Amino acid sequence: MIGPMVIAMVCGDPKYFSRIGARDSKELSDARRREIYAALMEGPVSVRFTVVSPEELNQKMDNMTLNQIELEKYAAIIQESPGDAIVFVDSFDVNPVRLQDTLRSLTGRKVYCHHHADRDYPVVSAASIVAKVIRDDEIERLKARYGEIGSGYPSDPLTVRFLKHAVETGMDIHEIARLKWKTFQRIASVGRNRKLF
């Protein structure tokens, strides 16, 4: 709910990703993620990423769903891959075949979408590591400005507490919070009601 959405793509020899120990970023310590991130940024691979700010997400969600925004951003970054690339995507759609067909149509690439691809394909694991490190660094910058905001994820009690406090005190958080998310709107509704009593 706080911070940017980061989408990353890495291209290279699949053996390299296995050799440097790329695994699902959620299974790695921060230190290990950063070691692998450095190996990716300095290694014989191509790394691309896009950072979508909360402000852009809020603006686009006036007319688009989150899935449509992700589709737009994924298609754009996939088109930066070599024309003969085979692209693996961790599916954000409940129907990976539908997403696969749509991305193939939009990009002209050989795209394969799977749930848990970040767990099952080291190349997707590598991309998830890049995205996670970049997002974590942005969250640290936000903490320096706003204080303790937690991880930014809706499951984090620190994040929820910060957002409740922000709503109750009228803090301007439009630059950092995904205001159009239903989870945030539930928190905001409770916070506004609390201010009335």
C-alpha atoms as a PDB file:
ATOM      1  CA  MET A   1       0.000   0.000   0.000  1.00  0.00           C
ATOM      2  CA  ILE A   2       3.014   2.284   0.373  1.00  0.00           C
ATOM      3  CA  GLY A   3       5.765   2.802  -2.153  1.00  0.00           C
ATOM      4  CA  PRO A   4       6.210   2.049  -5.827  1.00  0.00           C
ATOM      5  CA  MET A   5       5.449  -1.015  -7.856  1.00  0.00           C
ATOM      6  CA  VAL A   6       8.697  -2.279  -9.385  1.00  0.00           C
ATOM      7  CA  ILE A   7       8.729  -4.576 -12.411  1.00  0.00           C
ATOM      8  CA  ALA A   8      12.026  -6.124 -13.484  1.00  0.00           C
ATOM      9  CA  MET A   9      13.273  -8.256 -16.357  1.00  0.00           C
ATOM     10  CA  VAL A  10      16.613 -10.003 -16.725  1.00  0.00           C
ATOM     11  CA  CYS A  11      17.929 -11.622 -19.894  1.00  0.00           C
ATOM     12  CA  GLY A  12      20.826 -14.023 -20.113  1.00  0.00           C
ATOM     13  CA  ASP A  13      22.058 -17.589 -19.956  1.00  0.00           C
ATOM     14  CA  PRO A  14      19.775 -19.561 -17.594  1.00  0.00           C
ATOM     15  CA  LYS A  15      22.819 -21.377 -16.184  1.00  0.00           C
ATOM     16  CA  TYR A  16      24.171 -18.099 -14.824  1.00  0.00           C
ATOM     17  CA  PHE A  17      21.071 -17.469 -12.712  1.00  0.00           C
ATOM     18  CA  SER A  18      21.331 -20.927 -11.165  1.00  0.00           C
ATOM     19  CA  ARG A  19      25.070 -20.530 -10.610  1.00  0.00           C
ATOM     20  CA  ILE A  20      24.701 -17.327  -8.587  1.00  0.00           C
ATOM     21  CA  GLY A  21      21.964 -18.903  -6.461  1.00  0.00           C
ATOM     22  CA  ALA A  22      18.924 -16.984  -7.714  1.00  0.00           C
ATOM     23  CA  ARG A  23      15.837 -18.156  -5.821  1.00  0.00           C
ATOM     24  CA  ASP A  24      12.489 -16.668  -4.971  1.00  0.00           C
ATOM     25  CA  SER A  25      13.381 -13.345  -3.337  1.00  0.00           C
ATOM     26  CA  LYS A  26      10.965 -14.032  -0.472  1.00  0.00           C
ATOM     27  CA  GLU A  27      13.095 -17.033   0.564  1.00  0.00           C
ATOM     28  CA  LEU A  28      16.333 -15.050   0.828  1.00  0.00           C
ATOM     29  CA  SER A  29      17.739 -12.803   3.515  1.00  0.00           C
ATOM     30  CA  ASP A  30      18.228  -9.155   2.624  1.00  0.00           C
ATOM     31  CA  ALA A  31      22.014  -9.660   2.626  1.00  0.00           C
ATOM     32  CA  ARG A  32      21.802 -12.633   0.248  1.00  0.00           C
ATOM     33  CA  ARG A  33      19.381 -10.797  -2.050  1.00  0.00           C
ATOM     34  CA  ARG A  34      21.840  -7.923  -2.264  1.00  0.00           C
ATOM     35  CA  GLU A  35      24.745 -10.259  -3.083  1.00  0.00           C
ATOM     36  CA  ILE A  36      22.757 -11.770  -5.949  1.00  0.00           C
ATOM     37  CA  TYR A  37      21.574  -8.322  -7.044  1.00  0.00           C
ATOM     38  CA  ALA A  38      25.208  -7.184  -7.301  1.00  0.00           C
ATOM     39  CA  ALA A  39      26.084 -10.310  -9.310  1.00  0.00           C
ATOM     40  CA  LEU A  40      23.207  -9.551 -11.678  1.00  0.00           C
ATOM     41  CA  MET A  41      24.075  -5.879 -12.126  1.00  0.00           C
ATOM     42  CA  GLU A  42      27.759  -6.662 -12.723  1.00  0.00           C
ATOM     43  CA  GLY A  43      27.343  -9.990 -14.542  1.00  0.00           C
ATOM     44  CA  PRO A  44      26.885 -11.094 -18.162  1.00  0.00           C
ATOM     45  CA  VAL A  45      23.161 -10.350 -18.191  1.00  0.00           C
ATOM     46  CA  SER A  46      20.858  -7.566 -19.275  1.00  0.00           C
ATOM     47  CA  VAL A  47      18.748  -6.002 -16.530  1.00  0.00           C
ATOM     48  CA  ARG A  48      15.737  -3.767 -17.141  1.00  0.00           C
ATOM     49  CA  PHE A  49      13.266  -2.428 -14.637  1.00  0.00           C
ATOM     50  CA  THR A  50      10.500   0.111 -14.344  1.00  0.00           C
ATOM     51  CA  VAL A  51       9.400   1.914 -11.197  1.00  0.00           C
ATOM     52  CA  VAL A  52       5.722   2.888 -11.066  1.00  0.00           C
ATOM     53  CA  SER A  53       5.108   5.533  -8.422  1.00  0.00           C
ATOM     54  CA  PRO A  54       2.066   5.504  -6.155  1.00  0.00           C
ATOM     55  CA  GLU A  55       1.006   8.789  -7.774  1.00  0.00           C
ATOM     56  CA  GLU A  56       0.982   7.172 -11.219  1.00  0.00           C
ATOM     57  CA  LEU A  57      -0.905   4.153  -9.873  1.00  0.00           C
ATOM     58  CA  ASN A  58      -3.495   6.413  -8.236  1.00  0.00           C
ATOM     59  CA  GLN A  59      -3.951   8.375 -11.441  1.00  0.00           C
ATOM     60  CA  LYS A  60      -4.231   5.312 -13.670  1.00  0.00           C
ATOM     61  CA  MET A  61      -6.637   3.549 -11.291  1.00  0.00           C
ATOM     62  CA  ASP A  62      -9.210   6.216 -12.105  1.00  0.00           C
ATOM     63  CA  ASN A  63      -9.707   4.387 -15.410  1.00  0.00           C
ATOM     64  CA  MET A  64      -7.843   1.070 -15.142  1.00  0.00           C
ATOM     65  CA  THR A  65      -7.671  -1.929 -12.842  1.00  0.00           C
ATOM     66  CA  LEU A  66      -4.371  -2.866 -11.229  1.00  0.00           C
ATOM     67  CA  ASN A  67      -4.173  -5.883 -13.555  1.00  0.00           C
ATOM     68  CA  GLN A  68      -4.572  -3.601 -16.592  1.00  0.00           C
ATOM     69  CA  ILE A  69      -1.814  -1.324 -15.315  1.00  0.00           C
ATOM     70  CA  GLU A  70       0.477  -4.302 -14.748  1.00  0.00           C
ATOM     71  CA  LEU A  71      -0.341  -5.626 -18.213  1.00  0.00           C
ATOM     72  CA  GLU A  72       0.613  -2.288 -19.775  1.00  0.00           C
ATOM     73  CA  LYS A  73       3.885  -2.102 -17.828  1.00  0.00           C
ATOM     74  CA  TYR A  74       4.826  -5.756 -18.384  1.00  0.00           C
ATOM     75  CA  ALA A  75       4.184  -5.475 -22.122  1.00  0.00           C
ATOM     76  CA  ALA A  76       6.372  -2.378 -22.355  1.00  0.00           C
ATOM     77  CA  ILE A  77       9.309  -3.974 -20.554  1.00  0.00           C
ATOM     78  CA  ILE A  78       8.975  -7.289 -22.438  1.00  0.00           C
ATOM     79  CA  GLN A  79       9.251  -5.381 -25.720  1.00  0.00           C
ATOM     80  CA  GLU A  80      12.739  -4.355 -24.622  1.00  0.00           C
ATOM     81  CA  SER A  81      13.843  -8.013 -24.737  1.00  0.00           C
ATOM     82  CA  PRO A  82      15.563  -9.436 -27.839  1.00  0.00           C
ATOM     83  CA  GLY A  83      13.083 -10.407 -30.547  1.00  0.00           C
ATOM     84  CA  ASP A  84      13.984 -14.094 -30.275  1.00  0.00           C
ATOM     85  CA  ALA A  85      13.820 -14.177 -26.475  1.00  0.00           C
ATOM     86  CA  ILE A  86      11.765 -16.719 -24.579  1.00  0.00           C
ATOM     87  CA  VAL A  87      10.111 -14.780 -21.763  1.00  0.00           C
ATOM     88  CA  PHE A  88       8.895 -16.284 -18.479  1.00  0.00           C
ATOM     89  CA  VAL A  89       6.464 -14.270 -16.369  1.00  0.00           C
ATOM     90  CA  ASP A  90       5.228 -14.780 -12.828  1.00  0.00           C
ATOM     91  CA  SER A  91       1.511 -14.516 -13.562  1.00  0.00           C
ATOM     92  CA  PHE A  92      -0.363 -11.716 -11.824  1.00  0.00           C
ATOM     93  CA  ASP A  93      -3.576 -12.867 -13.507  1.00  0.00           C
ATOM     94  CA  VAL A  94      -5.581 -15.692 -11.899  1.00  0.00           C
ATOM     95  CA  ASN A  95      -5.667 -17.192 -15.408  1.00  0.00           C
ATOM     96  CA  PRO A  96      -2.039 -17.499 -16.570  1.00  0.00           C
ATOM     97  CA  VAL A  97      -3.005 -18.783 -20.028  1.00  0.00           C
ATOM     98  CA  ARG A  98      -5.138 -15.692 -20.644  1.00  0.00           C
ATOM     99  CA  LEU A  99      -2.252 -13.447 -19.554  1.00  0.00           C
ATOM    100  CA  GLN A 100       0.181 -15.428 -21.689  1.00  0.00           C
ATOM    101  CA  ASP A 101      -1.997 -15.075 -24.803  1.00  0.00           C
ATOM    102  CA  THR A 102      -2.502 -11.356 -24.204  1.00  0.00           C
ATOM    103  CA  LEU A 103       1.206 -10.647 -23.659  1.00  0.00           C
ATOM    104  CA  ARG A 104       2.130 -12.657 -26.748  1.00  0.00           C
ATOM    105  CA  SER A 105      -0.354 -10.641 -28.770  1.00  0.00           C
ATOM    106  CA  LEU A 106       0.864  -7.293 -27.399  1.00  0.00           C
ATOM    107  CA  THR A 107       4.605  -7.972 -27.641  1.00  0.00           C
ATOM    108  CA  GLY A 108       5.154 -10.504 -30.409  1.00  0.00           C
ATOM    109  CA  ARG A 109       7.423 -12.462 -28.024  1.00  0.00           C
ATOM    110  CA  LYS A 110       7.327 -16.091 -26.930  1.00  0.00           C
ATOM    111  CA  VAL A 111       5.833 -15.504 -23.481  1.00  0.00           C
ATOM    112  CA  TYR A 112       5.090 -18.210 -20.915  1.00  0.00           C
ATOM    113  CA  CYS A 113       3.142 -17.258 -17.795  1.00  0.00           C
ATOM    114  CA  HIS A 114       3.005 -19.389 -14.664  1.00  0.00           C
ATOM    115  CA  HIS A 115       1.954 -18.953 -11.072  1.00  0.00           C
ATOM    116  CA  HIS A 116       5.007 -19.227  -8.766  1.00  0.00           C
ATOM    117  CA  ALA A 117       7.385 -18.671 -11.691  1.00  0.00           C
ATOM    118  CA  ASP A 118       9.583 -16.693  -9.272  1.00  0.00           C
ATOM    119  CA  ARG A 119       9.937 -19.913  -7.299  1.00  0.00           C
ATOM    120  CA  ASP A 120      10.261 -22.339 -10.232  1.00  0.00           C
ATOM    121  CA  TYR A 121      12.437 -20.489 -12.791  1.00  0.00           C
ATOM    122  CA  PRO A 122      15.803 -19.026 -11.693  1.00  0.00           C
ATOM    123  CA  VAL A 123      15.566 -16.310 -14.377  1.00  0.00           C
ATOM    124  CA  VAL A 124      12.269 -15.099 -12.876  1.00  0.00           C
ATOM    125  CA  SER A 125      13.757 -15.438  -9.390  1.00  0.00           C
ATOM    126  CA  ALA A 126      16.564 -13.140 -10.545  1.00  0.00           C
ATOM    127  CA  ALA A 127      14.059 -10.569 -11.796  1.00  0.00           C
ATOM    128  CA  SER A 128      12.154 -10.769  -8.503  1.00  0.00           C
ATOM    129  CA  ILE A 129      15.390 -10.085  -6.620  1.00  0.00           C
ATOM    130  CA  VAL A 130      16.090  -6.983  -8.724  1.00  0.00           C
ATOM    131  CA  ALA A 131      12.552  -5.682  -8.142  1.00  0.00           C
ATOM    132  CA  LYS A 132      12.656  -6.407  -4.408  1.00  0.00           C
ATOM    133  CA  VAL A 133      16.016  -4.706  -3.794  1.00  0.00           C
ATOM    134  CA  ILE A 134      15.004  -1.598  -5.749  1.00  0.00           C
ATOM    135  CA  ARG A 135      11.670  -1.381  -3.934  1.00  0.00           C
ATOM    136  CA  ASP A 136      13.281  -1.965  -0.510  1.00  0.00           C
ATOM    137  CA  ASP A 137      15.735   0.873  -1.195  1.00  0.00           C
ATOM    138  CA  GLU A 138      12.846   3.179  -2.069  1.00  0.00           C
ATOM    139  CA  ILE A 139      11.020   2.207   1.138  1.00  0.00           C
ATOM    140  CA  GLU A 140      14.154   3.102   3.139  1.00  0.00           C
ATOM    141  CA  ARG A 141      14.212   6.539   1.483  1.00  0.00           C
ATOM    142  CA  LEU A 142      10.557   7.019   2.428  1.00  0.00           C
ATOM    143  CA  LYS A 143      11.300   6.018   6.036  1.00  0.00           C
ATOM    144  CA  ALA A 144      13.969   8.713   6.222  1.00  0.00           C
ATOM    145  CA  ARG A 145      11.283  11.241   5.277  1.00  0.00           C
ATOM    146  CA  TYR A 146       8.144   9.901   7.001  1.00  0.00           C
ATOM    147  CA  GLY A 147       9.433   7.818   9.900  1.00  0.00           C
ATOM    148  CA  GLU A 148       8.481   4.189  10.523  1.00  0.00           C
ATOM    149  CA  ILE A 149       6.171   3.048   7.710  1.00  0.00           C
ATOM    150  CA  GLY A 150       6.918  -0.660   7.871  1.00  0.00           C
ATOM    151  CA  SER A 151       7.470  -2.615   4.665  1.00  0.00           C
ATOM    152  CA  GLY A 152       4.608  -0.946   2.810  1.00  0.00           C
ATOM    153  CA  TYR A 153       2.719  -4.230   2.445  1.00  0.00           C
ATOM    154  CA  PRO A 154      -0.885  -4.515   3.682  1.00  0.00           C
ATOM    155  CA  SER A 155       0.019  -7.497   5.876  1.00  0.00           C
ATOM    156  CA  ASP A 156       2.510  -5.412   7.870  1.00  0.00           C
ATOM    157  CA  PRO A 157       1.023  -4.046  11.142  1.00  0.00           C
ATOM    158  CA  LEU A 158       3.535  -1.160  11.106  1.00  0.00           C
ATOM    159  CA  THR A 159       2.308  -0.090   7.682  1.00  0.00           C
ATOM    160  CA  VAL A 160      -1.333  -0.323   8.737  1.00  0.00           C
ATOM    161  CA  ARG A 161      -0.600   1.669  11.920  1.00  0.00           C
ATOM    162  CA  PHE A 162       1.196   4.386   9.933  1.00  0.00           C
ATOM    163  CA  LEU A 163      -1.671   4.698   7.452  1.00  0.00           C
ATOM    164  CA  LYS A 164      -4.300   4.854  10.208  1.00  0.00           C
ATOM    165  CA  HIS A 165      -2.302   7.597  11.917  1.00  0.00           C
ATOM    166  CA  ALA A 166      -1.893   9.462   8.602  1.00  0.00           C
ATOM    167  CA  VAL A 167      -5.634   9.389   7.944  1.00  0.00           C
ATOM    168  CA  GLU A 168      -6.548  10.389  11.496  1.00  0.00           C
ATOM    169  CA  THR A 169      -4.131  13.343  11.492  1.00  0.00           C
ATOM    170  CA  GLY A 170      -4.799  14.470   7.920  1.00  0.00           C
ATOM    171  CA  MET A 171      -1.220  13.833   6.785  1.00  0.00           C
ATOM    172  CA  ASP A 172      -0.664  14.274   3.042  1.00  0.00           C
ATOM    173  CA  ILE A 173       0.440  10.855   1.810  1.00  0.00           C
ATOM    174  CA  HIS A 174      -0.720  11.019  -1.824  1.00  0.00           C
ATOM    175  CA  GLU A 175       2.879  10.796  -3.050  1.00  0.00           C
ATOM    176  CA  ILE A 176       3.634   7.554  -1.211  1.00  0.00           C
ATOM    177  CA  ALA A 177       0.364   5.642  -0.674  1.00  0.00           C
ATOM    178  CA  ARG A 178      -1.742   3.703  -3.146  1.00  0.00           C
ATOM    179  CA  LEU A 179      -4.908   5.566  -2.254  1.00  0.00           C
ATOM    180  CA  LYS A 180      -7.160   3.718  -4.711  1.00  0.00           C
ATOM    181  CA  TRP A 181      -6.482   0.265  -3.234  1.00  0.00           C
ATOM    182  CA  LYS A 182      -9.501  -1.217  -1.492  1.00  0.00           C
ATOM    183  CA  THR A 183      -7.349  -2.185   1.485  1.00  0.00           C
ATOM    184  CA  PHE A 184      -6.254   1.426   1.952  1.00  0.00           C
ATOM    185  CA  GLN A 185      -9.805   2.694   1.507  1.00  0.00           C
ATOM    186  CA  ARG A 186     -10.985   0.359   4.296  1.00  0.00           C
ATOM    187  CA  ILE A 187      -8.283   1.731   6.590  1.00  0.00           C
ATOM    188  CA  ALA A 188      -9.154   5.289   5.568  1.00  0.00           C
ATOM    189  CA  SER A 189     -12.840   4.702   6.252  1.00  0.00           C
ATOM    190  CA  VAL A 190     -12.127   3.427   9.766  1.00  0.00           C
ATOM    191  CA  GLY A 191      -9.720   6.318  10.402  1.00  0.00           C
ATOM    192  CA  ARG A 192     -12.189   8.949   9.236  1.00  0.00           C
ATOM    193  CA  ASN A 193     -14.977   7.432  11.354  1.00  0.00           C
ATOM    194  CA  ARG A 194     -12.668   7.422  14.383  1.00  0.00           C
ATOM    195  CA  LYS A 195     -12.049  11.171  13.889  1.00  0.00           C
ATOM    196  CA  LEU A 196     -15.803  11.833  14.133  1.00  0.00           C
ATOM    197  CA  PHE A 197     -16.202  10.348  17.624  1.00  0.00           C
END
